[in-house]
All heavy atoms as atom14 arrays in JSON, in Angstrom:
{
  "sequence": "WDRLELPTQLYVEARADHCAELERCEPVVPGRRRAIVEAVLGAEVG",
  "atom14_mask": [
    [1, 1, 1, 1, 1, 1, 1, 1, 1, 1, 1, 1, 1, 1],
    [1, 1, 1, 1, 1, 1, 1, 1, 0, 0, 0, 0, 0, 0],
    [1, 1, 1, 1, 1, 1, 1, 1, 1, 1, 1, 0, 0, 0],
    [1, 1, 1, 1, 1, 1, 1, 1, 0, 0, 0, 0, 0, 0],
    [1, 1, 1, 1, 1, 1, 1, 1, 1, 0, 0, 0, 0, 0],
    [1, 1, 1, 1, 1, 1, 1, 1, 0, 0, 0, 0, 0, 0],
    [1, 1, 1, 1, 1, 1, 1, 0, 0, 0, 0, 0, 0, 0],
    [1, 1, 1, 1, 1, 1, 1, 0, 0, 0, 0, 0, 0, 0],
    [1, 1, 1, 1, 1, 1, 1, 1, 1, 0, 0, 0, 0, 0],
    [1, 1, 1, 1, 1, 1, 1, 1, 0, 0, 0, 0, 0, 0],
    [1, 1, 1, 1, 1, 1, 1, 1, 1, 1, 1, 1, 0, 0],
    [1, 1, 1, 1, 1, 1, 1, 0, 0, 0, 0, 0, 0, 0],
    [1, 1, 1, 1, 1, 1, 1, 1, 1, 0, 0, 0, 0, 0],
    [1, 1, 1, 1, 1, 0, 0, 0, 0, 0, 0, 0, 0, 0],
    [1, 1, 1, 1, 1, 1, 1, 1, 1, 1, 1, 0, 0, 0],
    [1, 1, 1, 1, 1, 0, 0, 0, 0, 0, 0, 0, 0, 0],
    [1, 1, 1, 1, 1, 1, 1, 1, 0, 0, 0, 0, 0, 0],
    [1, 1, 1, 1, 1, 1, 1, 1, 1, 1, 0, 0, 0, 0],
    [1, 1, 1, 1, 1, 1, 0, 0, 0, 0, 0, 0, 0, 0],
    [1, 1, 1, 1, 1, 0, 0, 0, 0, 0, 0, 0, 0, 0],
    [1, 1, 1, 1, 1, 1, 1, 1, 1, 0, 0, 0, 0, 0],
    [1, 1, 1, 1, 1, 1, 1, 1, 0, 0, 0, 0, 0, 0],
    [1, 1, 1, 1, 1, 1, 1, 1, 1, 0, 0, 0, 0, 0],
    [1, 1, 1, 1, 1, 1, 1, 1, 1, 1, 1, 0, 0, 0],
    [1, 1, 1, 1, 1, 1, 0, 0, 0, 0, 0, 0, 0, 0],
    [1, 1, 1, 1, 1, 1, 1, 1, 1, 0, 0, 0, 0, 0],
    [1, 1, 1, 1, 1, 1, 1, 0, 0, 0, 0, 0, 0, 0],
    [1, 1, 1, 1, 1, 1, 1, 0, 0, 0, 0, 0, 0, 0],
    [1, 1, 1, 1, 1, 1, 1, 0, 0, 0, 0, 0, 0, 0],
    [1, 1, 1, 1, 1, 1, 1, 0, 0, 0, 0, 0, 0, 0],
    [1, 1, 1, 1, 0, 0, 0, 0, 0, 0, 0, 0, 0, 0],
    [1, 1, 1, 1, 1, 1, 1, 1, 1, 1, 1, 0, 0, 0],
    [1, 1, 1, 1, 1, 1, 1, 1, 1, 1, 1, 0, 0, 0],
    [1, 1, 1, 1, 1, 1, 1, 1, 1, 1, 1, 0, 0, 0],
    [1, 1, 1, 1, 1, 0, 0, 0, 0, 0, 0, 0, 0, 0],
    [1, 1, 1, 1, 1, 1, 1, 1, 0, 0, 0, 0, 0, 0],
    [1, 1, 1, 1, 1, 1, 1, 0, 0, 0, 0, 0, 0, 0],
    [1, 1, 1, 1, 1, 1, 1, 1, 1, 0, 0, 0, 0, 0],
    [1, 1, 1, 1, 1, 0, 0, 0, 0, 0, 0, 0, 0, 0],
    [1, 1, 1, 1, 1, 1, 1, 0, 0, 0, 0, 0, 0, 0],
    [1, 1, 1, 1, 1, 1, 1, 1, 0, 0, 0, 0, 0, 0],
    [1, 1, 1, 1, 0, 0, 0, 0, 0, 0, 0, 0, 0, 0],
    [1, 1, 1, 1, 1, 0, 0, 0, 0, 0, 0, 0, 0, 0],
    [1, 1, 1, 1, 1, 1, 1, 1, 1, 0, 0, 0, 0, 0],
    [1, 1, 1, 1, 1, 1, 1, 0, 0, 0, 0, 0, 0, 0],
    [1, 1, 1, 1, 0, 0, 0, 0, 0, 0, 0, 0, 0, 0]
  ],
  "atom14_positions": [
    [[5.97, 8.08, -3.9], [5.29, 8.67, -2.79], [6.22, 8.76, -1.57], [6.21, 9.71, -0.78], [4.13, 7.83, -2.36], [3.09, 7.58, -3.46], [2.52, 6.37, -3.86], [2.67, 8.46, -4.49], [1.75, 6.47, -4.9], [1.74, 7.76, -5.3], [2.78, 9.87, -4.68], [1.14, 8.38, -6.37], [2.12, 10.43, -5.7], [1.3, 9.71, -6.59]],
    [[7.17, 7.8, -1.48], [8.21, 7.86, -0.39], [9.2, 9.07, -0.64], [9.52, 9.77, 0.23], [8.97, 6.56, -0.26], [8.24, 5.58, 0.62], [7.46, 6.02, 1.4], [8.53, 4.42, 0.59], [0.0, 0.0, 0.0], [0.0, 0.0, 0.0], [0.0, 0.0, 0.0], [0.0, 0.0, 0.0], [0.0, 0.0, 0.0], [0.0, 0.0, 0.0]],
    [[9.59, 9.21, -1.97], [10.55, 10.27, -2.24], [9.84, 11.58, -1.96], [10.5, 12.57, -1.53], [10.86, 10.2, -3.74], [11.68, 9.04, -4.12], [12.35, 9.24, -5.51], [12.89, 7.98, -6.0], [12.32, 7.15, -6.94], [11.16, 7.51, -7.53], [12.91, 6.11, -7.32], [0.0, 0.0, 0.0], [0.0, 0.0, 0.0], [0.0, 0.0, 0.0]],
    [[8.49, 11.74, -2.18], [7.78, 12.94, -1.9], [7.43, 13.09, -0.4], [6.8, 14.08, -0.05], [6.49, 13.0, -2.77], [6.79, 13.14, -4.23], [5.55, 12.82, -5.05], [7.3, 14.54, -4.61], [0.0, 0.0, 0.0], [0.0, 0.0, 0.0], [0.0, 0.0, 0.0], [0.0, 0.0, 0.0], [0.0, 0.0, 0.0], [0.0, 0.0, 0.0]],
    [[7.69, 12.04, 0.42], [7.44, 12.08, 1.84], [6.01, 12.26, 2.17], [5.65, 13.04, 3.04], [8.37, 13.13, 2.53], [9.85, 12.88, 2.33], [10.73, 13.8, 3.08], [10.13, 14.79, 3.66], [11.89, 13.68, 3.16], [0.0, 0.0, 0.0], [0.0, 0.0, 0.0], [0.0, 0.0, 0.0], [0.0, 0.0, 0.0], [0.0, 0.0, 0.0]],
    [[5.16, 11.62, 1.5], [3.7, 11.72, 1.81], [3.41, 10.94, 3.1], [3.79, 9.84, 3.29], [2.88, 11.05, 0.7], [2.78, 11.77, -0.64], [1.75, 11.19, -1.5], [2.57, 13.25, -0.51], [0.0, 0.0, 0.0], [0.0, 0.0, 0.0], [0.0, 0.0, 0.0], [0.0, 0.0, 0.0], [0.0, 0.0, 0.0], [0.0, 0.0, 0.0]],
    [[2.75, 11.63, 4.06], [2.57, 11.02, 5.33], [1.53, 9.92, 5.36], [1.5, 9.13, 6.29], [2.11, 12.17, 6.27], [1.54, 13.16, 5.29], [2.24, 13.0, 3.98], [0.0, 0.0, 0.0], [0.0, 0.0, 0.0], [0.0, 0.0, 0.0], [0.0, 0.0, 0.0], [0.0, 0.0, 0.0], [0.0, 0.0, 0.0], [0.0, 0.0, 0.0]],
    [[0.59, 9.92, 4.35], [-0.48, 8.86, 4.31], [-0.41, 8.17, 2.97], [-0.48, 8.8, 1.96], [-1.83, 9.48, 4.54], [-1.9, 10.18, 5.75], [-2.91, 8.43, 4.49], [0.0, 0.0, 0.0], [0.0, 0.0, 0.0], [0.0, 0.0, 0.0], [0.0, 0.0, 0.0], [0.0, 0.0, 0.0], [0.0, 0.0, 0.0], [0.0, 0.0, 0.0]],
    [[-0.23, 6.84, 3.0], [-0.09, 6.05, 1.81], [-0.9, 4.75, 2.0], [-0.52, 3.96, 2.84], [1.36, 5.66, 1.44], [2.31, 6.89, 1.27], [3.73, 6.52, 1.17], [4.05, 5.34, 0.75], [4.65, 7.4, 1.58], [0.0, 0.0, 0.0], [0.0, 0.0, 0.0], [0.0, 0.0, 0.0], [0.0, 0.0, 0.0], [0.0, 0.0, 0.0]],
    [[-1.97, 4.63, 1.23], [-2.8, 3.44, 1.27], [-2.77, 2.67, -0.05], [-2.8, 3.29, -1.12], [-4.28, 3.77, 1.61], [-4.46, 4.7, 2.79], [-5.96, 4.97, 2.98], [-3.87, 4.14, 4.1], [0.0, 0.0, 0.0], [0.0, 0.0, 0.0], [0.0, 0.0, 0.0], [0.0, 0.0, 0.0], [0.0, 0.0, 0.0], [0.0, 0.0, 0.0]],
    [[-2.69, 1.36, -0.08], [-2.6, 0.63, -1.26], [-3.59, -0.51, -1.29], [-3.79, -1.21, -0.26], [-1.13, -0.03, -1.39], [-0.02, 0.93, -1.37], [0.58, 1.29, -0.24], [0.34, 1.61, -2.63], [1.73, 2.28, -0.32], [1.34, 2.52, -2.66], [1.99, 2.82, -1.48], [3.06, 3.8, -1.63], [0.0, 0.0, 0.0], [0.0, 0.0, 0.0]],
    [[-4.24, -0.7, -2.44], [-5.08, -1.81, -2.66], [-4.52, -2.51, -3.85], [-4.47, -2.03, -4.98], [-6.59, -1.4, -2.95], [-7.44, -2.63, -3.19], [-7.13, -0.63, -1.72], [0.0, 0.0, 0.0], [0.0, 0.0, 0.0], [0.0, 0.0, 0.0], [0.0, 0.0, 0.0], [0.0, 0.0, 0.0], [0.0, 0.0, 0.0], [0.0, 0.0, 0.0]],
    [[-4.09, -3.79, -3.7], [-3.41, -4.47, -4.72], [-3.91, -5.89, -4.89], [-4.21, -6.65, -3.92], [-1.9, -4.5, -4.37], [-0.98, -5.49, -5.21], [-1.07, -5.09, -6.67], [-0.93, -3.91, -7.06], [-1.33, -6.03, -7.47], [0.0, 0.0, 0.0], [0.0, 0.0, 0.0], [0.0, 0.0, 0.0], [0.0, 0.0, 0.0], [0.0, 0.0, 0.0]],
    [[-4.08, -6.39, -6.08], [-4.62, -7.78, -6.44], [-3.63, -8.84, -6.15], [-4.0, -10.0, -5.82], [-5.07, -7.78, -7.85], [0.0, 0.0, 0.0], [0.0, 0.0, 0.0], [0.0, 0.0, 0.0], [0.0, 0.0, 0.0], [0.0, 0.0, 0.0], [0.0, 0.0, 0.0], [0.0, 0.0, 0.0], [0.0, 0.0, 0.0], [0.0, 0.0, 0.0]],
    [[-2.32, -8.56, -6.29], [-1.26, -9.57, -6.22], [-0.6, -9.67, -4.98], [-0.11, -8.66, -4.37], [-0.24, -9.34, -7.32], [-0.78, -9.53, -8.74], [0.36, -9.23, -9.72], [1.52, -10.06, -9.43], [2.68, -9.8, -10.02], [2.85, -8.85, -10.88], [3.81, -10.53, -9.7], [0.0, 0.0, 0.0], [0.0, 0.0, 0.0], [0.0, 0.0, 0.0]],
    [[-0.52, -10.89, -4.37], [0.02, -11.06, -3.02], [1.53, -10.72, -3.03], [2.07, -10.13, -2.01], [-0.16, -12.53, -2.56], [0.0, 0.0, 0.0], [0.0, 0.0, 0.0], [0.0, 0.0, 0.0], [0.0, 0.0, 0.0], [0.0, 0.0, 0.0], [0.0, 0.0, 0.0], [0.0, 0.0, 0.0], [0.0, 0.0, 0.0], [0.0, 0.0, 0.0]],
    [[2.29, -10.99, -4.13], [3.74, -10.72, -4.12], [3.93, -9.21, -4.07], [4.88, -8.8, -3.46], [4.37, -11.4, -5.3], [3.73, -10.89, -6.69], [2.59, -10.59, -6.62], [4.45, -11.02, -7.67], [0.0, 0.0, 0.0], [0.0, 0.0, 0.0], [0.0, 0.0, 0.0], [0.0, 0.0, 0.0], [0.0, 0.0, 0.0], [0.0, 0.0, 0.0]],
    [[3.05, -8.39, -4.75], [3.18, -6.99, -4.71], [2.97, -6.45, -3.24], [3.63, -5.57, -2.78], [2.29, -6.31, -5.71], [2.82, -6.35, -7.03], [2.19, -5.67, -8.1], [3.91, -6.97, -7.69], [2.83, -5.82, -9.23], [3.9, -6.61, -8.99], [0.0, 0.0, 0.0], [0.0, 0.0, 0.0], [0.0, 0.0, 0.0], [0.0, 0.0, 0.0]],
    [[1.97, -7.07, -2.67], [1.67, -6.59, -1.27], [2.87, -6.92, -0.41], [3.25, -6.08, 0.5], [0.42, -7.38, -0.72], [-1.07, -6.92, -1.62], [0.0, 0.0, 0.0], [0.0, 0.0, 0.0], [0.0, 0.0, 0.0], [0.0, 0.0, 0.0], [0.0, 0.0, 0.0], [0.0, 0.0, 0.0], [0.0, 0.0, 0.0], [0.0, 0.0, 0.0]],
    [[3.49, -8.14, -0.57], [4.67, -8.52, 0.27], [5.83, -7.57, 0.0], [6.55, -7.18, 0.91], [5.04, -9.92, 0.01], [0.0, 0.0, 0.0], [0.0, 0.0, 0.0], [0.0, 0.0, 0.0], [0.0, 0.0, 0.0], [0.0, 0.0, 0.0], [0.0, 0.0, 0.0], [0.0, 0.0, 0.0], [0.0, 0.0, 0.0], [0.0, 0.0, 0.0]],
    [[5.96, -7.11, -1.26], [7.11, -6.24, -1.6], [6.88, -4.89, -0.92], [7.87, -4.32, -0.42], [7.14, -6.08, -3.1], [8.28, -5.31, -3.61], [8.37, -5.18, -5.12], [7.88, -6.14, -5.72], [8.97, -4.21, -5.64], [0.0, 0.0, 0.0], [0.0, 0.0, 0.0], [0.0, 0.0, 0.0], [0.0, 0.0, 0.0], [0.0, 0.0, 0.0]],
    [[5.66, -4.41, -0.93], [5.36, -3.12, -0.19], [5.54, -3.27, 1.22], [6.06, -2.32, 1.99], [3.89, -2.69, -0.49], [3.67, -2.19, -1.89], [2.14, -2.08, -2.17], [4.34, -0.8, -2.02], [0.0, 0.0, 0.0], [0.0, 0.0, 0.0], [0.0, 0.0, 0.0], [0.0, 0.0, 0.0], [0.0, 0.0, 0.0], [0.0, 0.0, 0.0]],
    [[5.2, -4.41, 1.84], [5.4, -4.63, 3.29], [6.94, -4.57, 3.65], [7.19, -4.11, 4.81], [4.79, -6.01, 3.74], [3.31, -6.02, 3.68], [2.61, -5.34, 4.86], [3.37, -4.76, 5.65], [1.4, -5.49, 4.89], [0.0, 0.0, 0.0], [0.0, 0.0, 0.0], [0.0, 0.0, 0.0], [0.0, 0.0, 0.0], [0.0, 0.0, 0.0]],
    [[7.76, -4.99, 2.78], [9.17, -5.06, 3.05], [9.84, -3.71, 3.01], [10.97, -3.48, 3.51], [9.89, -6.02, 2.11], [9.59, -7.48, 2.35], [10.57, -8.4, 1.66], [10.44, -8.16, 0.17], [9.57, -8.99, -0.55], [8.88, -9.93, 0.07], [9.43, -8.84, -1.87], [0.0, 0.0, 0.0], [0.0, 0.0, 0.0], [0.0, 0.0, 0.0]],
    [[9.22, -2.66, 2.31], [9.79, -1.4, 2.15], [9.9, -0.73, 3.52], [8.96, -0.66, 4.27], [8.9, -0.53, 1.19], [8.96, -1.15, -0.48], [0.0, 0.0, 0.0], [0.0, 0.0, 0.0], [0.0, 0.0, 0.0], [0.0, 0.0, 0.0], [0.0, 0.0, 0.0], [0.0, 0.0, 0.0], [0.0, 0.0, 0.0], [0.0, 0.0, 0.0]],
    [[11.09, -0.2, 3.81], [11.29, 0.58, 5.03], [10.63, 2.02, 4.96], [10.74, 2.62, 3.88], [12.79, 0.77, 5.37], [13.52, -0.47, 5.62], [13.09, -1.08, 6.96], [12.67, -0.33, 7.82], [13.0, -2.34, 7.1], [0.0, 0.0, 0.0], [0.0, 0.0, 0.0], [0.0, 0.0, 0.0], [0.0, 0.0, 0.0], [0.0, 0.0, 0.0]],
    [[9.9, 2.4, 5.97], [9.31, 3.76, 6.01], [10.39, 4.84, 5.93], [11.37, 4.79, 6.5], [8.57, 3.78, 7.3], [9.19, 2.83, 8.15], [9.76, 1.67, 7.3], [0.0, 0.0, 0.0], [0.0, 0.0, 0.0], [0.0, 0.0, 0.0], [0.0, 0.0, 0.0], [0.0, 0.0, 0.0], [0.0, 0.0, 0.0], [0.0, 0.0, 0.0]],
    [[10.14, 5.86, 5.06], [10.97, 7.0, 4.87], [10.48, 8.13, 5.83], [11.32, 8.85, 6.37], [10.94, 7.52, 3.41], [11.72, 8.76, 3.32], [11.58, 6.41, 2.47], [0.0, 0.0, 0.0], [0.0, 0.0, 0.0], [0.0, 0.0, 0.0], [0.0, 0.0, 0.0], [0.0, 0.0, 0.0], [0.0, 0.0, 0.0], [0.0, 0.0, 0.0]],
    [[9.23, 8.31, 5.91], [8.64, 9.4, 6.8], [8.32, 8.83, 8.21], [7.39, 7.92, 8.28], [7.46, 9.93, 6.13], [6.85, 11.12, 6.99], [7.75, 10.41, 4.72], [0.0, 0.0, 0.0], [0.0, 0.0, 0.0], [0.0, 0.0, 0.0], [0.0, 0.0, 0.0], [0.0, 0.0, 0.0], [0.0, 0.0, 0.0], [0.0, 0.0, 0.0]],
    [[8.91, 9.31, 9.25], [8.68, 8.85, 10.56], [7.18, 9.09, 10.93], [6.62, 10.2, 10.58], [9.52, 9.7, 11.53], [10.62, 10.13, 10.61], [10.06, 10.31, 9.28], [0.0, 0.0, 0.0], [0.0, 0.0, 0.0], [0.0, 0.0, 0.0], [0.0, 0.0, 0.0], [0.0, 0.0, 0.0], [0.0, 0.0, 0.0], [0.0, 0.0, 0.0]],
    [[6.47, 8.12, 11.45], [5.07, 8.3, 11.82], [4.13, 8.23, 10.6], [2.91, 8.49, 10.76], [0.0, 0.0, 0.0], [0.0, 0.0, 0.0], [0.0, 0.0, 0.0], [0.0, 0.0, 0.0], [0.0, 0.0, 0.0], [0.0, 0.0, 0.0], [0.0, 0.0, 0.0], [0.0, 0.0, 0.0], [0.0, 0.0, 0.0], [0.0, 0.0, 0.0]],
    [[4.62, 7.73, 9.49], [3.79, 7.69, 8.26], [2.7, 6.66, 8.49], [2.93, 5.65, 9.07], [4.66, 7.27, 7.07], [3.87, 7.03, 5.81], [4.79, 6.58, 4.7], [5.49, 5.33, 5.08], [6.41, 4.75, 4.3], [6.78, 5.24, 3.16], [6.96, 3.58, 4.73], [0.0, 0.0, 0.0], [0.0, 0.0, 0.0], [0.0, 0.0, 0.0]],
    [[1.5, 6.98, 8.01], [0.36, 5.99, 8.06], [0.31, 5.29, 6.71], [0.18, 5.81, 5.67], [-0.92, 6.71, 8.29], [-2.12, 5.78, 8.38], [-3.4, 6.5, 8.89], [-3.98, 7.31, 7.81], [-4.97, 6.8, 7.1], [-5.43, 5.6, 7.22], [-5.54, 7.62, 6.2], [0.0, 0.0, 0.0], [0.0, 0.0, 0.0], [0.0, 0.0, 0.0]],
    [[0.56, 3.96, 6.84], [0.66, 3.12, 5.65], [-0.24, 1.86, 5.82], [-0.12, 1.18, 6.91], [2.07, 2.71, 5.31], [2.2, 2.1, 3.97], [3.61, 1.67, 3.78], [4.08, 1.79, 2.49], [5.28, 1.37, 2.0], [6.07, 0.82, 2.79], [5.57, 1.58, 0.7], [0.0, 0.0, 0.0], [0.0, 0.0, 0.0], [0.0, 0.0, 0.0]],
    [[-1.12, 1.52, 4.84], [-1.88, 0.36, 4.94], [-1.87, -0.33, 3.57], [-1.92, 0.35, 2.54], [-3.31, 0.71, 5.43], [0.0, 0.0, 0.0], [0.0, 0.0, 0.0], [0.0, 0.0, 0.0], [0.0, 0.0, 0.0], [0.0, 0.0, 0.0], [0.0, 0.0, 0.0], [0.0, 0.0, 0.0], [0.0, 0.0, 0.0], [0.0, 0.0, 0.0]],
    [[-1.88, -1.62, 3.59], [-1.86, -2.39, 2.32], [-2.96, -3.45, 2.44], [-3.04, -4.27, 3.35], [-0.5, -3.15, 2.15], [0.64, -2.03, 2.16], [-0.43, -3.94, 0.82], [2.0, -2.6, 2.38], [0.0, 0.0, 0.0], [0.0, 0.0, 0.0], [0.0, 0.0, 0.0], [0.0, 0.0, 0.0], [0.0, 0.0, 0.0], [0.0, 0.0, 0.0]],
    [[-3.87, -3.48, 1.43], [-4.95, -4.34, 1.43], [-4.93, -5.22, 0.13], [-4.8, -4.63, -0.91], [-6.35, -3.59, 1.44], [-7.5, -4.53, 1.35], [-6.45, -2.79, 2.73], [0.0, 0.0, 0.0], [0.0, 0.0, 0.0], [0.0, 0.0, 0.0], [0.0, 0.0, 0.0], [0.0, 0.0, 0.0], [0.0, 0.0, 0.0], [0.0, 0.0, 0.0]],
    [[-4.98, -6.53, 0.25], [-4.96, -7.37, -0.94], [-6.44, -7.63, -1.32], [-7.26, -8.18, -0.6], [-4.35, -8.75, -0.59], [-4.24, -9.65, -1.84], [-3.6, -10.96, -1.48], [-2.96, -11.11, -0.4], [-3.72, -11.94, -2.32], [0.0, 0.0, 0.0], [0.0, 0.0, 0.0], [0.0, 0.0, 0.0], [0.0, 0.0, 0.0], [0.0, 0.0, 0.0]],
    [[-6.83, -7.05, -2.5], [-8.18, -7.21, -3.0], [-8.22, -6.88, -4.46], [-7.33, -6.14, -4.99], [-9.1, -6.18, -2.28], [0.0, 0.0, 0.0], [0.0, 0.0, 0.0], [0.0, 0.0, 0.0], [0.0, 0.0, 0.0], [0.0, 0.0, 0.0], [0.0, 0.0, 0.0], [0.0, 0.0, 0.0], [0.0, 0.0, 0.0], [0.0, 0.0, 0.0]],
    [[-9.22, -7.41, -5.24], [-9.47, -7.12, -6.6], [-10.73, -6.27, -6.66], [-11.75, -6.72, -6.11], [-9.65, -8.36, -7.41], [-9.84, -8.08, -8.9], [-8.44, -9.27, -7.29], [0.0, 0.0, 0.0], [0.0, 0.0, 0.0], [0.0, 0.0, 0.0], [0.0, 0.0, 0.0], [0.0, 0.0, 0.0], [0.0, 0.0, 0.0], [0.0, 0.0, 0.0]],
    [[-10.75, -5.1, -7.2], [-11.83, -4.12, -7.18], [-12.52, -4.09, -8.48], [-11.9, -4.2, -9.53], [-11.36, -2.78, -6.79], [-10.74, -2.62, -5.39], [-10.46, -1.14, -5.04], [-11.55, -3.25, -4.31], [0.0, 0.0, 0.0], [0.0, 0.0, 0.0], [0.0, 0.0, 0.0], [0.0, 0.0, 0.0], [0.0, 0.0, 0.0], [0.0, 0.0, 0.0]],
    [[-13.9, -3.89, -8.39], [-14.61, -3.72, -9.59], [-15.79, -2.79, -9.27], [-15.78, -2.03, -8.32], [0.0, 0.0, 0.0], [0.0, 0.0, 0.0], [0.0, 0.0, 0.0], [0.0, 0.0, 0.0], [0.0, 0.0, 0.0], [0.0, 0.0, 0.0], [0.0, 0.0, 0.0], [0.0, 0.0, 0.0], [0.0, 0.0, 0.0], [0.0, 0.0, 0.0]],
    [[-16.83, -2.84, -10.17], [-18.01, -1.95, -9.93], [-19.03, -2.57, -8.99], [-19.79, -1.84, -8.38], [-18.72, -1.69, -11.32], [0.0, 0.0, 0.0], [0.0, 0.0, 0.0], [0.0, 0.0, 0.0], [0.0, 0.0, 0.0], [0.0, 0.0, 0.0], [0.0, 0.0, 0.0], [0.0, 0.0, 0.0], [0.0, 0.0, 0.0], [0.0, 0.0, 0.0]],
    [[-19.05, -3.92, -8.75], [-19.96, -4.56, -7.9], [-19.22, -5.64, -7.13], [-18.22, -6.21, -7.62], [-21.19, -5.09, -8.68], [-21.98, -4.11, -9.44], [-23.12, -4.73, -10.12], [-23.08, -5.94, -10.27], [-24.02, -3.97, -10.59], [0.0, 0.0, 0.0], [0.0, 0.0, 0.0], [0.0, 0.0, 0.0], [0.0, 0.0, 0.0], [0.0, 0.0, 0.0]],
    [[-19.87, -6.07, -6.01], [-19.3, -7.21, -5.27], [-19.7, -8.49, -6.08], [-20.83, -8.56, -6.54], [-19.9, -7.23, -3.86], [-19.43, -8.49, -3.09], [-19.47, -6.02, -3.12], [0.0, 0.0, 0.0], [0.0, 0.0, 0.0], [0.0, 0.0, 0.0], [0.0, 0.0, 0.0], [0.0, 0.0, 0.0], [0.0, 0.0, 0.0], [0.0, 0.0, 0.0]],
    [[-18.72, -9.4, -6.14], [-19.07, -10.65, -6.94], [-17.78, -11.54, -7.13], [-16.94, -11.52, -6.26], [0.0, 0.0, 0.0], [0.0, 0.0, 0.0], [0.0, 0.0, 0.0], [0.0, 0.0, 0.0], [0.0, 0.0, 0.0], [0.0, 0.0, 0.0], [0.0, 0.0, 0.0], [0.0, 0.0, 0.0], [0.0, 0.0, 0.0], [0.0, 0.0, 0.0]]
  ]
}
């Protein structure tokens, strides 16, 4: 997504180390909107 210079990139990831790795990545697109949420998703809350 960085190579393609997408201005909006949102991530939902279960693993904390993957979230930290994404946080360390330098932005390629100036003014890019990027958000990283640590969560495990399913069909219902539980």
